[in-house]
Protein backbone atom coordinates (compact mmCIF):
# COMPACT_ATOMS: atom_id res chain seq x y z
CA MET A 1 -80.75 -86.00 51.37
CA PRO A 2 -78.68 -86.36 54.41
CA TYR A 3 -77.01 -90.08 54.88
CA SER A 4 -79.06 -91.20 57.24
CA LYS A 5 -82.34 -91.24 54.07
CA PHE A 6 -80.08 -94.56 52.52
CA THR A 7 -81.03 -97.55 52.43
CA LEU A 8 -78.76 -100.29 51.52
CA SER A 9 -80.38 -101.43 48.65
CA LYS A 10 -80.66 -97.71 47.53
CA ALA A 11 -76.77 -96.96 47.96
CA VAL A 12 -76.34 -99.98 46.28
CA ASP A 13 -78.69 -99.24 43.37
CA ASP A 14 -77.47 -95.61 43.46
CA PHE A 15 -73.82 -96.46 43.55
CA HIS A 16 -73.60 -99.27 41.52
CA LEU A 17 -72.18 -101.23 44.28
CA THR A 18 -71.68 -105.10 44.52
CA ILE A 19 -71.60 -106.25 48.49
CA ILE A 20 -69.43 -108.97 49.20
CA GLU A 21 -71.09 -110.77 52.60
CA GLY A 22 -69.52 -112.66 55.65
CA SER A 23 -65.91 -112.51 54.41
CA ARG A 24 -63.22 -111.22 57.07
CA PHE A 25 -60.98 -108.22 55.11
CA LEU A 26 -59.70 -107.19 58.00
CA PRO A 27 -55.91 -107.69 58.59
CA GLU A 28 -54.64 -110.86 61.15
CA ILE A 29 -52.74 -108.20 63.50
CA SER A 30 -51.55 -108.23 67.37
CA PRO A 31 -54.03 -106.93 70.02
CA VAL A 32 -52.66 -103.21 71.18
CA THR A 33 -52.78 -102.79 75.01
CA PRO A 34 -55.04 -100.09 75.33
CA SER A 35 -53.60 -96.78 77.20
CA PRO A 36 -54.19 -97.31 81.41
CA LEU A 37 -56.38 -93.87 80.41
CA LEU A 38 -58.86 -95.70 77.87
CA GLN A 39 -59.05 -98.97 80.10
CA ASP A 40 -60.25 -96.68 83.24
CA THR A 41 -62.51 -94.60 80.86
CA LEU A 42 -64.07 -97.66 79.83
CA LYS A 43 -64.56 -99.56 82.67
CA GLU A 44 -66.74 -96.20 84.30
CA THR A 45 -68.25 -95.03 80.78
CA ILE A 46 -69.77 -98.51 79.70
CA PRO A 47 -71.88 -99.48 82.22
CA TRP A 48 -73.45 -96.01 81.82
CA ALA A 49 -73.68 -96.33 78.18
CA ILE A 50 -75.23 -99.68 78.31
CA ALA A 51 -77.84 -98.50 80.79
CA VAL A 52 -78.95 -95.67 79.48
CA SER A 53 -78.67 -97.17 76.53
CA SER A 54 -78.97 -94.15 73.63
CA GLU A 55 -77.11 -93.64 70.83
CA LYS A 56 -75.68 -90.48 72.49
CA ALA A 57 -74.17 -92.40 75.54
CA ARG A 58 -72.80 -95.21 73.55
CA SER A 59 -70.90 -92.85 71.48
CA GLU A 60 -69.74 -90.70 73.86
CA GLY A 61 -69.28 -93.14 76.22
CA ILE A 62 -67.69 -96.16 74.11
CA ILE A 63 -67.26 -95.20 71.19
CA ASN A 64 -65.36 -91.61 71.32
CA PRO A 65 -62.70 -92.77 73.81
CA VAL A 66 -61.82 -95.44 71.42
CA LEU A 67 -61.14 -93.33 68.51
CA LEU A 68 -59.15 -91.02 70.40
CA GLU A 69 -57.33 -93.82 71.52
CA VAL A 70 -56.37 -94.72 68.05
CA LYS A 71 -55.69 -90.67 67.72
CA ARG A 72 -52.89 -91.29 70.86
CA GLN A 73 -51.18 -94.79 69.71
CA LEU A 74 -51.20 -93.78 66.50
CA GLN A 75 -49.41 -90.22 68.01
CA GLY A 76 -51.60 -87.77 66.64
CA GLN A 77 -50.94 -88.41 62.77
CA ILE A 78 -54.70 -88.90 62.05
CA SER A 79 -57.87 -86.26 62.89
CA VAL A 80 -61.29 -88.07 64.64
CA PHE A 81 -64.29 -85.73 63.84
CA SER A 82 -67.33 -85.93 65.39
CA GLY A 83 -70.78 -84.87 64.44
CA GLU A 84 -69.34 -83.32 61.28
CA GLU A 85 -71.16 -81.63 58.29
CA PHE A 86 -69.57 -83.52 55.21
CA ASN A 87 -71.17 -82.61 52.26
CA VAL A 88 -69.61 -83.55 49.33
CA GLU A 89 -72.24 -84.00 46.22
CA PRO A 90 -75.81 -82.46 46.69
CA GLU A 91 -76.57 -83.93 43.50
CA ALA A 92 -75.62 -87.46 44.23
CA GLU A 93 -77.54 -86.97 47.94
CA LEU A 94 -74.18 -87.07 49.48
CA THR A 95 -74.98 -84.69 52.21
CA GLY A 96 -75.43 -84.71 55.71
CA TYR A 97 -73.91 -84.87 59.04
CA VAL A 98 -70.91 -88.01 60.10
CA ASP A 99 -71.28 -89.40 63.34
CA PHE A 100 -67.18 -89.31 63.49
CA LEU A 101 -64.95 -89.33 60.47
CA LEU A 102 -61.11 -90.31 60.51
CA SER A 103 -58.55 -88.36 58.53
CA ARG A 104 -54.95 -89.69 57.58
CA SER A 105 -54.01 -85.83 58.08
CA PRO A 106 -53.68 -84.18 61.56
CA GLU A 107 -55.63 -81.04 60.83
CA GLN A 108 -58.04 -81.02 62.90
CA LEU A 109 -59.56 -77.90 62.60
CA PHE A 110 -61.50 -78.76 58.96
CA ILE A 111 -61.95 -82.45 56.99
CA LYS A 112 -58.50 -82.79 55.46
CA ALA A 113 -58.46 -85.84 52.90
CA PRO A 114 -57.89 -88.64 52.58
CA ALA A 115 -60.78 -89.73 54.33
CA VAL A 116 -60.27 -92.98 55.49
CA ILE A 117 -62.84 -94.41 58.28
CA LEU A 118 -66.43 -93.12 58.64
CA VAL A 119 -68.27 -94.44 62.12
CA GLU A 120 -72.02 -94.40 61.82
CA ALA A 121 -73.01 -95.07 66.06
CA LYS A 122 -76.33 -96.82 67.04
CA LYS A 123 -77.92 -97.65 69.73
CA GLU A 124 -79.03 -101.18 69.10
CA ASP A 125 -80.46 -102.41 65.71
CA LEU A 126 -77.20 -101.96 63.19
CA LYS A 127 -78.72 -103.60 59.87
CA PRO A 128 -80.46 -99.92 58.72
CA ALA A 129 -77.48 -98.17 59.30
CA LEU A 130 -75.44 -99.81 56.44
CA GLY A 131 -77.06 -98.04 53.80
CA GLN A 132 -75.85 -94.83 56.10
CA CYS A 133 -72.07 -96.19 56.18
CA LEU A 134 -71.67 -97.30 52.98
CA ALA A 135 -73.33 -93.60 51.55
CA GLU A 136 -70.59 -91.66 53.97
CA MET A 137 -68.20 -93.83 52.45
CA VAL A 138 -68.61 -92.95 48.78
CA ALA A 139 -68.71 -89.42 49.87
CA ALA A 140 -65.18 -90.24 51.30
CA GLN A 141 -64.13 -91.81 48.33
CA ARG A 142 -65.61 -88.67 45.83
CA PHE A 143 -64.08 -86.44 48.52
CA ASN A 144 -60.66 -87.58 48.30
CA GLN A 145 -60.78 -87.76 44.66
CA GLN A 146 -62.26 -84.04 44.60
CA LYS A 147 -58.71 -83.31 46.73
CA GLN A 148 -56.50 -85.17 44.20
CA GLN A 149 -55.95 -88.39 47.46
CA PRO A 150 -57.74 -90.90 46.12
CA ILE A 151 -56.65 -93.55 48.30
CA SER A 152 -57.73 -97.46 47.00
CA THR A 153 -59.77 -98.54 50.13
CA ILE A 154 -62.35 -97.10 52.51
CA TYR A 155 -63.32 -98.29 56.47
CA GLY A 156 -65.97 -97.95 57.55
CA THR A 157 -68.10 -99.49 60.80
CA VAL A 158 -71.64 -99.28 62.09
CA THR A 159 -71.67 -99.62 65.83
CA SER A 160 -73.51 -99.46 69.42
CA GLY A 161 -70.26 -99.58 70.89
CA THR A 162 -70.45 -103.04 72.06
CA VAL A 163 -71.02 -104.67 68.76
CA TRP A 164 -69.63 -103.46 65.36
CA ARG A 165 -69.89 -104.66 61.93
CA PHE A 166 -67.06 -103.22 59.74
CA LEU A 167 -67.59 -102.46 55.99
CA LYS A 168 -64.79 -101.96 53.01
CA LEU A 169 -65.08 -100.05 50.07
CA GLU A 170 -62.74 -100.75 46.91
CA GLU A 171 -63.75 -98.97 43.86
CA GLN A 172 -68.07 -100.25 43.53
CA CYS A 173 -67.21 -103.12 45.47
CA ALA A 174 -68.08 -103.25 49.16
CA SER A 175 -67.26 -105.50 51.76
CA ILE A 176 -69.30 -106.13 54.87
CA PHE A 177 -68.58 -108.25 58.10
CA ALA A 178 -69.45 -108.48 61.25
CA SER A 179 -67.66 -109.01 64.48
CA ARG A 180 -67.62 -108.46 68.41
CA ILE A 181 -64.73 -106.40 69.47
CA VAL A 182 -65.77 -104.56 72.30
CA ASN A 183 -67.87 -107.05 74.80
CA GLU A 184 -70.16 -106.04 77.60
CA ARG A 185 -67.31 -106.59 80.53
CA LEU A 186 -65.55 -103.99 82.01
CA PRO A 187 -61.99 -103.36 81.01
CA ASN A 188 -59.21 -105.11 83.87
C-alpha cells in the first residue's frame, strides 16, 4: 500500500503510536537570513505557485527552493531527495514515493541513513496528509534502524508552501504542531 493510503487514525493504529497535539516542540532559534538567491526565487515563484495552486507548482516553486536553501546553509552536509521511491517494509505497507526526504548524509545518488526529515507537499488541506507523513516517518525510523544508524527523533512536515504543520516522532510518540512559517507576502 502506498504511503498516501494512510490516514492519521490508520497510522496511529497500525504502528501503535500516541499523538500529542498542539505543543510546540521546535526549539527557539535565531532567524536565519535567507540567501539573495532564495529571496529572488521566492519573489518570483510564490505568486506563481499560489496562482496556479497545484501541489506540483507549490512543491517546485516554494518547497524545493526552501529545502535547497537548507542544504546550502549547511554547506552540502545533507542530501535532499524529491519524488524518491522509499520502500522500507512492504509487509508493514511502508512503501511508495515521498515528496521530499532529507538525510544527514551528503550522498545524493541514493538515500543513505540516517533519514531525518520527511516533507509532504499538498495543495491546500493539510489534515488528510498527516497520516501519510507519519507513515513515512515510521518508515524512516525503521530504515535507520535497518541500516544500524538509529536516531532518536524523526521530523516531518505537511505543507502547502505557505502553511506548515510540523510532526516529530520519538519512539512511539508523535507530536503535531501547526505553524505559519512562510507567509504569502513577497520576500523583501
